[in-house]
Amino acid sequence: MTSENERLLKNIKEEKTVNQISLDMNISNKKIFQRIKNLSVNGYSFSRQYYYNGDIKYILNKSFNDDDLTNRIIMDNEKNIFQALVVSDLHLGSCLERLDCLNLMYDYCIKNDIHIIVNAGDLINGMFGCPNNICSYEEQARYLLKNYPFDKNILNFVTLGNHDADSLFSSGLDLAKILYYNRHDIVPLGYASGKIDVKGESILIKHRIKSQQSNNSNLENDSSFLTLNGHLHKFTGNLNIYVPSLSDIVLENASNTIPSFLKLQITFSGHMASLVDVEQLIVSNNKISVIGDTTLYVSTKTKSENTKQSNKQSNSNPPRNKTLERVKNKYIGKH
């Protein structure tokens, strides 16, 4: 073992986070991830702890561990506000992807001190739906790894969708494993459904996969107080939220026709969620604008929703690109 890897293991045993190790060893987070990957190939087993400030701590496993489908985001006890951005249906590799919007969303995170992004699936387009610019599963996966933005203080928690699962069903290429071993800042929660845990409360993230049941199907009827759904490319404001698409793909009956994402703020009373504030933001003309907000109240007894909406919805849309409009209309509903 090299002296640098010995030093890395020493830091991990001292329970330092990745950002702390980066400062101590004067190497980038990406190089730390690569060295941990190499150590894993050589037999070392690690688990991860995720922090609300976007940091990661690696723990050396010294006993047998069962996989836990709940990924906990560790917050300071005194904090009672949780903020995250929620995005879905990027369809990277398709002719209607909007990588520019994704980069703008990352800039928004950095400027607004937001460290958590929840992604409700369809990171890549697969080999069906609208036409592709990238026409193989392997190339789409490589494109995702290379072009999905990276910031050492931002974590992504992703439930993989039907387009992500296309490569697994067709060729055995597992996007979840690709992400787990190559992008430690993108945390795959599973196919079709997965959970994150915040202050002891669970948030369920779902994306419909019709062809086969997901290995996380036991989560479908759980007690999560909030559900975030991908797949339908539209926003609905209740505690069973449907997340709009950050792409130019428009589906039939979708109310939103502009790339869009959500800002989520959850207020906790002790360790119980009491209030959920949701803003819908659109990306147009290289700018991000808020077009509506919704306040959702969480019952402490039943976790059922009592919804009070303060709509600031605009009935007018920014000017549309007519050529792009014709392309989108041609592939409407093919999802």
Protein backbone atom coordinates (compact mmCIF):
# COMPACT_ATOMS: atom_id res chain seq x y z
CA MET A 1 0.00 0.00 0.00
CA THR A 2 1.27 3.48 -0.84
CA SER A 3 2.04 5.97 1.90
CA GLU A 4 -0.72 8.23 0.56
CA ASN A 5 -3.33 5.48 0.87
CA GLU A 6 -2.09 4.71 4.39
CA ARG A 7 -2.54 8.38 5.23
CA LEU A 8 -6.04 8.32 3.72
CA LEU A 9 -7.01 5.28 5.80
CA LYS A 10 -5.63 6.99 8.90
CA ASN A 11 -7.84 10.01 8.25
CA ILE A 12 -10.87 7.79 7.69
CA LYS A 13 -10.21 5.94 10.96
CA GLU A 14 -10.05 9.34 12.69
CA GLU A 15 -13.59 9.94 11.35
CA LYS A 16 -12.72 12.96 9.25
CA THR A 17 -15.07 14.04 6.49
CA VAL A 18 -14.04 14.17 2.84
CA ASN A 19 -13.68 17.96 2.94
CA GLN A 20 -11.50 17.71 6.04
CA ILE A 21 -9.34 15.01 4.41
CA SER A 22 -9.03 17.17 1.29
CA LEU A 23 -7.58 20.00 3.37
CA ASP A 24 -5.29 17.68 5.34
CA MET A 25 -3.88 15.89 2.30
CA ASN A 26 -4.10 18.80 -0.13
CA ILE A 27 -5.90 16.75 -2.78
CA SER A 28 -9.29 17.21 -4.44
CA ASN A 29 -12.46 15.44 -3.38
CA LYS A 30 -12.52 13.64 -6.72
CA LYS A 31 -9.05 12.20 -6.09
CA ILE A 32 -10.16 11.06 -2.64
CA PHE A 33 -13.15 9.29 -4.21
CA GLN A 34 -10.88 7.58 -6.74
CA ARG A 35 -8.50 6.37 -4.02
CA ILE A 36 -11.39 5.04 -1.94
CA LYS A 37 -12.66 3.23 -5.04
CA ASN A 38 -9.22 1.64 -5.51
CA LEU A 39 -9.11 0.62 -1.84
CA SER A 40 -12.57 -0.97 -2.25
CA VAL A 41 -11.34 -3.00 -5.23
CA ASN A 42 -8.51 -4.25 -3.00
CA GLY A 43 -10.89 -5.52 -0.34
CA TYR A 44 -11.64 -2.60 1.98
CA SER A 45 -15.31 -2.10 2.77
CA PHE A 46 -16.75 1.35 3.43
CA SER A 47 -20.11 2.80 4.28
CA ARG A 48 -21.01 6.46 3.90
CA GLN A 49 -22.57 9.09 6.09
CA TYR A 50 -24.15 12.08 4.37
CA TYR A 51 -24.34 15.54 5.90
CA TYR A 52 -26.72 18.44 5.35
CA ASN A 53 -23.80 20.70 4.41
CA GLY A 54 -23.03 18.40 1.44
CA ASP A 55 -20.08 16.63 3.06
CA ILE A 56 -19.50 12.86 3.21
CA LYS A 57 -17.83 10.75 5.88
CA TYR A 58 -16.50 7.27 5.05
CA ILE A 59 -16.66 4.60 7.71
CA LEU A 60 -14.55 1.42 7.60
CA ASN A 61 -16.85 -1.57 7.91
CA LYS A 62 -15.61 -4.10 10.44
CA SER A 63 -18.71 -6.28 10.62
CA PHE A 64 -21.42 -7.67 8.36
CA ASN A 65 -23.93 -5.02 7.27
CA ASP A 66 -27.28 -5.33 5.58
CA ASP A 67 -28.10 -2.74 2.97
CA ASP A 68 -30.34 0.02 4.33
CA LEU A 69 -32.73 1.50 1.81
CA THR A 70 -33.04 4.65 3.91
CA ASN A 71 -30.23 7.16 3.40
CA ARG A 72 -29.96 9.49 6.35
CA ILE A 73 -29.02 13.15 5.91
CA ILE A 74 -27.36 14.21 9.15
CA MET A 75 -28.35 17.65 10.46
CA ASP A 76 -27.35 19.57 13.57
CA ASN A 77 -29.93 19.03 16.32
CA GLU A 78 -30.57 22.75 16.71
CA LYS A 79 -31.51 23.20 13.04
CA ASN A 80 -35.22 23.04 12.34
CA ILE A 81 -35.25 24.07 8.66
CA PHE A 82 -34.33 21.66 5.86
CA GLN A 83 -33.88 23.03 2.33
CA ALA A 84 -33.33 21.16 -0.92
CA LEU A 85 -33.92 21.53 -4.62
CA VAL A 86 -36.04 18.86 -6.32
CA VAL A 87 -35.57 18.01 -9.98
CA SER A 88 -36.66 15.24 -12.32
CA ASP A 89 -36.62 13.91 -15.87
CA LEU A 90 -33.39 15.38 -17.25
CA HIS A 91 -33.20 12.85 -20.12
CA LEU A 92 -29.51 13.53 -20.73
CA GLY A 93 -28.37 12.22 -24.09
CA SER A 94 -31.63 13.16 -25.82
CA CYS A 95 -32.02 15.97 -28.35
CA LEU A 96 -34.29 17.77 -25.86
CA GLU A 97 -31.94 17.72 -22.86
CA ARG A 98 -31.20 21.04 -21.13
CA LEU A 99 -27.76 20.71 -19.61
CA ASP A 100 -27.59 24.51 -19.48
CA CYS A 101 -30.59 24.54 -17.13
CA LEU A 102 -28.95 21.94 -14.90
CA ASN A 103 -25.83 24.10 -14.62
CA LEU A 104 -27.95 27.15 -13.79
CA MET A 105 -29.71 25.13 -11.09
CA TYR A 106 -26.31 24.28 -9.58
CA ASP A 107 -25.37 27.96 -9.64
CA TYR A 108 -28.64 28.69 -7.82
CA CYS A 109 -27.70 26.12 -5.15
CA ILE A 110 -24.29 27.71 -4.61
CA LYS A 111 -25.64 31.26 -4.44
CA ASN A 112 -28.43 30.29 -2.02
CA ASP A 113 -26.39 28.01 0.27
CA ILE A 114 -28.35 24.87 -0.70
CA HIS A 115 -26.41 21.61 -0.45
CA ILE A 116 -29.02 18.90 -1.18
CA ILE A 117 -30.62 18.04 -4.53
CA VAL A 118 -33.32 15.36 -4.72
CA ASN A 119 -33.71 13.83 -8.18
CA ALA A 120 -36.86 11.86 -9.03
CA GLY A 121 -35.39 9.95 -11.95
CA ASP A 122 -34.73 9.67 -15.68
CA LEU A 123 -31.25 11.13 -15.56
CA ILE A 124 -30.57 9.67 -19.01
CA ASN A 125 -32.88 9.06 -21.96
CA GLY A 126 -32.14 5.42 -22.74
CA MET A 127 -33.03 4.13 -26.19
CA PHE A 128 -36.70 5.10 -26.43
CA GLY A 129 -38.84 8.24 -26.37
CA CYS A 130 -37.58 11.36 -28.10
CA PRO A 131 -34.56 11.06 -30.45
CA ASN A 132 -31.08 10.83 -28.97
CA ASN A 133 -27.93 12.80 -29.58
CA ILE A 134 -26.06 9.94 -27.88
CA CYS A 135 -27.10 6.56 -29.19
CA SER A 136 -25.66 3.92 -26.86
CA TYR A 137 -26.22 3.11 -23.19
CA GLU A 138 -22.50 3.16 -22.41
CA GLU A 139 -21.98 6.54 -24.05
CA GLN A 140 -25.00 8.02 -22.25
CA ALA A 141 -23.64 6.78 -18.92
CA ARG A 142 -20.21 8.26 -19.66
CA TYR A 143 -21.85 11.51 -20.75
CA LEU A 144 -23.78 11.65 -17.46
CA LEU A 145 -20.65 11.04 -15.36
CA LYS A 146 -18.69 13.68 -17.24
CA ASN A 147 -21.29 16.41 -17.66
CA TYR A 148 -23.51 16.22 -14.58
CA PRO A 149 -22.29 19.20 -12.52
CA PHE A 150 -20.04 18.65 -9.50
CA ASP A 151 -19.54 20.73 -6.38
CA LYS A 152 -17.79 19.42 -3.28
CA ASN A 153 -20.57 20.84 -1.10
CA ILE A 154 -23.58 19.47 -3.00
CA LEU A 155 -25.10 15.97 -2.71
CA ASN A 156 -27.68 14.43 -5.05
CA PHE A 157 -30.10 11.71 -3.91
CA VAL A 158 -31.61 9.92 -6.91
CA THR A 159 -34.38 7.41 -7.49
CA LEU A 160 -33.80 5.93 -10.94
CA GLY A 161 -36.65 5.90 -13.44
CA ASN A 162 -37.89 3.89 -16.41
CA HIS A 163 -35.46 5.51 -18.87
CA ASP A 164 -32.56 4.85 -16.46
CA ALA A 165 -33.69 1.23 -16.14
CA ASP A 166 -33.81 0.75 -19.92
CA SER A 167 -30.10 -0.11 -20.06
CA LEU A 168 -30.47 -2.63 -17.22
CA PHE A 169 -33.45 -4.40 -18.79
CA SER A 170 -31.97 -4.37 -22.30
CA SER A 171 -28.27 -5.02 -21.77
CA GLY A 172 -27.56 -5.59 -18.07
CA LEU A 173 -25.85 -2.19 -17.68
CA ASP A 174 -26.76 -1.00 -14.16
CA LEU A 175 -26.75 2.80 -13.89
CA ALA A 176 -27.11 2.57 -10.09
CA LYS A 177 -23.78 0.74 -9.82
CA ILE A 178 -22.13 3.11 -12.27
CA LEU A 179 -23.14 6.09 -10.14
CA TYR A 180 -22.30 4.42 -6.83
CA TYR A 181 -18.73 3.61 -7.83
CA ASN A 182 -17.94 6.66 -9.97
CA ARG A 183 -19.87 9.68 -8.64
CA HIS A 184 -19.96 9.62 -4.84
CA ASP A 185 -21.85 12.93 -4.86
CA ILE A 186 -24.77 11.23 -6.70
CA VAL A 187 -26.40 8.73 -4.34
CA PRO A 188 -28.61 6.12 -6.06
CA LEU A 189 -31.55 5.21 -3.81
CA GLY A 190 -32.80 2.40 -6.05
CA TYR A 191 -35.00 1.89 -9.08
CA ALA A 192 -38.64 3.10 -9.02
CA SER A 193 -38.59 4.08 -5.33
CA GLY A 194 -36.24 5.03 -2.54
CA LYS A 195 -36.15 7.04 0.67
CA ILE A 196 -34.13 9.68 2.43
CA ASP A 197 -34.30 10.28 6.16
CA VAL A 198 -34.22 13.79 7.64
CA LYS A 199 -34.35 14.20 11.46
CA GLY A 200 -36.04 10.80 11.74
CA GLU A 201 -38.73 11.59 9.16
CA SER A 202 -38.83 9.81 5.79
CA ILE A 203 -39.30 11.29 2.33
CA LEU A 204 -40.24 8.83 -0.42
CA ILE A 205 -38.99 9.45 -3.97
CA LYS A 206 -40.74 7.52 -6.75
CA HIS A 207 -40.61 7.08 -10.50
CA ARG A 208 -42.95 4.76 -12.34
CA ILE A 209 -41.42 1.69 -13.99
CA LYS A 210 -44.12 -0.41 -15.65
CA SER A 211 -42.16 -3.26 -17.19
CA GLN A 212 -40.86 -4.84 -13.98
CA GLN A 213 -41.28 -4.41 -10.26
CA SER A 214 -38.48 -2.55 -8.53
CA ASN A 215 -36.40 -4.21 -5.86
CA ASN A 216 -37.62 -1.45 -3.54
CA SER A 217 -41.32 -2.12 -4.11
CA ASN A 218 -41.77 -2.73 -0.37
CA LEU A 219 -41.50 1.03 0.09
CA GLU A 220 -44.69 1.75 -1.81
CA ASN A 221 -46.98 1.74 1.25
CA ASP A 222 -44.70 3.17 3.91
CA SER A 223 -45.31 5.96 6.41
CA SER A 224 -43.30 8.73 4.75
CA PHE A 225 -44.84 12.15 5.35
CA LEU A 226 -43.90 13.41 1.88
CA THR A 227 -43.72 11.76 -1.55
CA LEU A 228 -41.86 13.20 -4.54
CA ASN A 229 -42.79 11.68 -7.91
CA GLY A 230 -41.03 11.88 -11.26
CA HIS A 231 -42.20 10.62 -14.67
CA LEU A 232 -45.19 12.86 -15.45
CA HIS A 233 -43.21 16.06 -16.24
CA LYS A 234 -45.63 18.29 -14.31
CA PHE A 235 -46.01 19.92 -10.91
CA THR A 236 -48.82 19.28 -8.45
CA GLY A 237 -48.82 20.92 -5.03
CA ASN A 238 -49.81 18.53 -2.25
CA LEU A 239 -47.93 16.11 0.00
CA ASN A 240 -47.84 13.70 -2.96
CA ILE A 241 -45.84 16.06 -5.16
CA TYR A 242 -45.28 15.48 -8.88
CA VAL A 243 -42.00 17.06 -9.95
CA PRO A 244 -41.72 18.95 -13.27
CA SER A 245 -39.11 18.14 -15.89
CA LEU A 246 -35.87 20.06 -16.36
CA SER A 247 -35.87 19.29 -20.09
CA ASP A 248 -37.68 20.40 -23.23
CA ILE A 249 -39.75 17.22 -23.36
CA VAL A 250 -43.46 17.98 -23.02
CA LEU A 251 -45.89 15.18 -22.22
CA GLU A 252 -49.59 15.03 -22.95
CA ASN A 253 -51.68 16.94 -20.36
CA ALA A 254 -48.56 18.47 -18.79
CA SER A 255 -49.34 21.99 -17.57
CA ASN A 256 -45.71 23.07 -17.51
CA THR A 257 -44.02 23.55 -20.88
CA ILE A 258 -40.82 25.24 -19.70
CA PRO A 259 -37.85 23.56 -17.95
CA SER A 260 -38.61 23.73 -14.25
CA PHE A 261 -37.58 22.54 -10.78
CA LEU A 262 -38.74 22.93 -7.18
CA LYS A 263 -37.32 24.49 -4.05
CA LEU A 264 -38.36 22.58 -0.93
CA GLN A 265 -38.27 23.94 2.62
CA ILE A 266 -39.39 21.70 5.49
CA THR A 267 -39.95 23.11 8.97
CA PHE A 268 -39.53 20.71 11.89
CA SER A 269 -41.04 20.93 15.35
CA GLY A 270 -38.55 18.86 17.29
CA HIS A 271 -38.05 15.78 15.13
CA MET A 272 -41.44 15.99 13.40
CA ALA A 273 -42.13 17.71 10.11
CA SER A 274 -44.86 20.31 10.51
CA LEU A 275 -44.71 22.51 7.41
CA VAL A 276 -43.61 22.09 3.81
CA ASP A 277 -43.07 25.14 1.60
CA VAL A 278 -42.66 24.51 -2.13
CA GLU A 279 -41.62 27.02 -4.78
CA GLN A 280 -41.74 26.25 -8.49
CA LEU A 281 -38.94 27.84 -10.49
CA ILE A 282 -38.61 28.01 -14.26
CA VAL A 283 -35.55 28.53 -16.42
CA SER A 284 -36.11 30.93 -19.30
CA ASN A 285 -33.75 33.24 -21.20
CA ASN A 286 -30.85 32.03 -19.05
CA LYS A 287 -32.61 33.22 -15.89
CA ILE A 288 -34.36 31.47 -12.99
CA SER A 289 -37.73 32.85 -11.91
CA VAL A 290 -40.26 31.82 -9.25
CA ILE A 291 -43.72 31.31 -10.77
CA GLY A 292 -45.62 29.92 -7.78
CA ASP A 293 -45.46 28.77 -4.18
CA THR A 294 -47.46 26.36 -2.08
CA THR A 295 -47.63 25.88 1.70
CA LEU A 296 -48.48 22.36 2.93
CA TYR A 297 -49.34 21.52 6.52
CA VAL A 298 -48.39 18.11 7.93
CA SER A 299 -50.66 16.51 10.52
CA THR A 300 -48.59 15.34 13.51
CA LYS A 301 -50.99 12.43 14.12
CA THR A 302 -51.85 11.01 10.73
CA LYS A 303 -49.30 12.70 8.42
CA SER A 304 -52.22 13.48 6.13
CA GLU A 305 -52.15 16.71 4.25
CA ASN A 306 -54.07 19.89 4.92
CA THR A 307 -53.21 22.10 2.02
CA LYS A 308 -53.23 25.88 1.93
CA GLN A 309 -52.04 27.31 -1.31
CA SER A 310 -50.95 30.85 -2.04
CA ASN A 311 -50.75 30.73 -5.81
CA LYS A 312 -48.66 33.27 -7.64
CA GLN A 313 -49.03 31.42 -10.91
CA SER A 314 -48.52 33.45 -14.07
CA ASN A 315 -50.87 32.66 -16.93
CA SER A 316 -48.37 33.94 -19.47
CA ASN A 317 -45.37 32.01 -20.65
CA PRO A 318 -42.14 33.51 -21.98
CA PRO A 319 -41.74 33.54 -25.78
CA ARG A 320 -41.39 30.09 -27.23
CA ASN A 321 -38.95 28.85 -29.86
CA LYS A 322 -41.24 27.77 -32.72
CA THR A 323 -38.76 25.29 -34.20
CA LEU A 324 -38.28 23.69 -30.80
CA GLU A 325 -42.06 23.72 -30.32
CA ARG A 326 -42.57 21.66 -33.49
CA VAL A 327 -39.96 19.12 -32.33
CA LYS A 328 -41.56 18.81 -28.92
CA ASN A 329 -45.08 18.45 -30.30
CA LYS A 330 -43.88 15.65 -32.57
CA TYR A 331 -42.75 13.59 -29.58
CA ILE A 332 -45.45 14.59 -27.12
CA GLY A 333 -46.56 11.76 -24.87
CA LYS A 334 -43.92 9.27 -26.03
CA HIS A 335 -42.51 8.55 -22.57
